[in-house]
């Protein structure tokens, strides 16, 4: 289940993951260490964040941040991907 910061009820809400935490997960998912995140690597990151539909979230992210439309996210596009994920409000960054 994905919990978003704004959707938590009662008690102290858990803080959203920081951009640094999100960056670490994305870079950890770069399994071949080529500094390019493939669609599958991005999907794995969203799965680790606890997204209900990681494939859909990946598609949305690529549509938004893949400026050169090569189907991957380069280091130059990574900050936009992190910003997009941060806006989603994930708190689970396993």
Protein backbone atom coordinates (compact mmCIF):
# COMPACT_ATOMS: atom_id res chain seq x y z
CA UNK A 1 0.00 0.00 0.00
CA UNK A 2 1.27 3.46 -0.85
CA UNK A 3 0.87 6.10 1.80
CA UNK A 4 1.07 9.68 0.81
CA UNK A 5 1.94 12.34 3.33
CA UNK A 6 -1.32 14.20 2.78
CA UNK A 7 -3.48 11.07 3.08
CA UNK A 8 -2.40 9.90 6.52
CA UNK A 9 -4.98 10.27 9.24
CA UNK A 10 -4.57 10.59 12.99
CA UNK A 11 -1.36 10.95 14.96
CA UNK A 12 1.81 12.39 13.56
CA UNK A 13 2.08 11.76 9.84
CA UNK A 14 5.23 10.07 8.63
CA UNK A 15 7.46 12.45 6.73
CA UNK A 16 7.86 12.13 3.00
CA UNK A 17 11.05 10.64 1.70
CA UNK A 18 13.70 13.25 1.05
CA UNK A 19 15.02 13.87 -2.43
CA UNK A 20 18.36 12.42 -1.29
CA UNK A 21 16.64 9.20 -0.23
CA UNK A 22 14.83 8.99 -3.55
CA UNK A 23 18.08 9.64 -5.45
CA UNK A 24 19.80 6.81 -3.55
CA UNK A 25 17.03 4.33 -4.43
CA UNK A 26 17.06 5.32 -8.10
CA UNK A 27 20.84 5.00 -8.28
CA UNK A 28 20.73 1.69 -6.39
CA UNK A 29 18.33 0.42 -9.05
CA UNK A 30 20.88 1.16 -11.80
CA UNK A 31 21.98 -2.48 -11.70
CA UNK A 32 24.46 -2.23 -14.57
CA UNK A 33 26.03 0.99 -13.20
CA UNK A 34 25.92 2.75 -16.58
CA UNK A 35 24.38 5.96 -15.18
CA UNK A 36 21.27 5.44 -17.28
CA UNK A 37 18.02 4.21 -15.79
CA UNK A 38 16.06 1.90 -18.05
CA UNK A 39 12.30 1.53 -17.88
CA UNK A 40 12.73 -1.69 -15.86
CA UNK A 41 15.16 -0.05 -13.40
CA UNK A 42 12.76 2.86 -12.87
CA UNK A 43 9.89 0.41 -12.38
CA UNK A 44 11.95 -1.40 -9.74
CA UNK A 45 12.50 1.89 -7.92
CA UNK A 46 8.78 2.71 -7.90
CA UNK A 47 8.12 -0.82 -6.69
CA UNK A 48 10.55 -0.21 -3.82
CA UNK A 49 8.71 3.04 -3.02
CA UNK A 50 5.53 1.00 -2.66
CA UNK A 51 3.67 2.35 -5.70
CA UNK A 52 0.41 0.47 -6.31
CA UNK A 53 1.02 0.39 -10.06
CA UNK A 54 4.78 0.78 -10.62
CA UNK A 55 4.46 0.21 -14.38
CA UNK A 56 1.94 3.04 -14.70
CA UNK A 57 4.04 5.33 -12.48
CA UNK A 58 7.08 4.52 -14.65
CA UNK A 59 5.17 5.36 -17.82
CA UNK A 60 4.00 8.67 -16.31
CA UNK A 61 7.51 9.51 -15.14
CA UNK A 62 9.10 8.78 -18.50
CA UNK A 63 6.44 10.79 -20.29
CA UNK A 64 7.28 13.74 -18.06
CA UNK A 65 11.08 13.58 -17.69
CA UNK A 66 12.48 11.75 -20.74
CA UNK A 67 13.24 14.84 -22.80
CA UNK A 68 15.12 13.07 -25.61
CA UNK A 69 12.49 10.28 -25.81
CA UNK A 70 15.04 7.44 -25.73
CA UNK A 71 13.00 5.47 -23.17
CA UNK A 72 15.61 5.90 -20.45
CA UNK A 73 16.58 8.49 -17.85
CA UNK A 74 20.12 9.83 -18.07
CA UNK A 75 21.96 11.62 -15.28
CA UNK A 76 20.94 14.90 -16.92
CA UNK A 77 17.27 13.90 -16.54
CA UNK A 78 17.61 12.33 -13.09
CA UNK A 79 16.81 15.48 -11.11
CA UNK A 80 13.48 15.79 -12.94
CA UNK A 81 12.70 12.14 -12.15
CA UNK A 82 13.51 12.71 -8.48
CA UNK A 83 11.33 15.82 -8.41
CA UNK A 84 8.46 13.87 -9.97
CA UNK A 85 8.80 11.04 -7.43
CA UNK A 86 9.06 13.55 -4.58
CA UNK A 87 5.81 15.20 -5.68
CA UNK A 88 4.10 11.80 -5.35
CA UNK A 89 4.81 11.92 -1.61
CA UNK A 90 6.29 8.48 -1.03
CA UNK A 91 7.29 7.68 2.53
CA UNK A 92 8.44 4.11 1.94
CA UNK A 93 11.96 4.02 0.52
CA UNK A 94 13.19 0.46 1.09
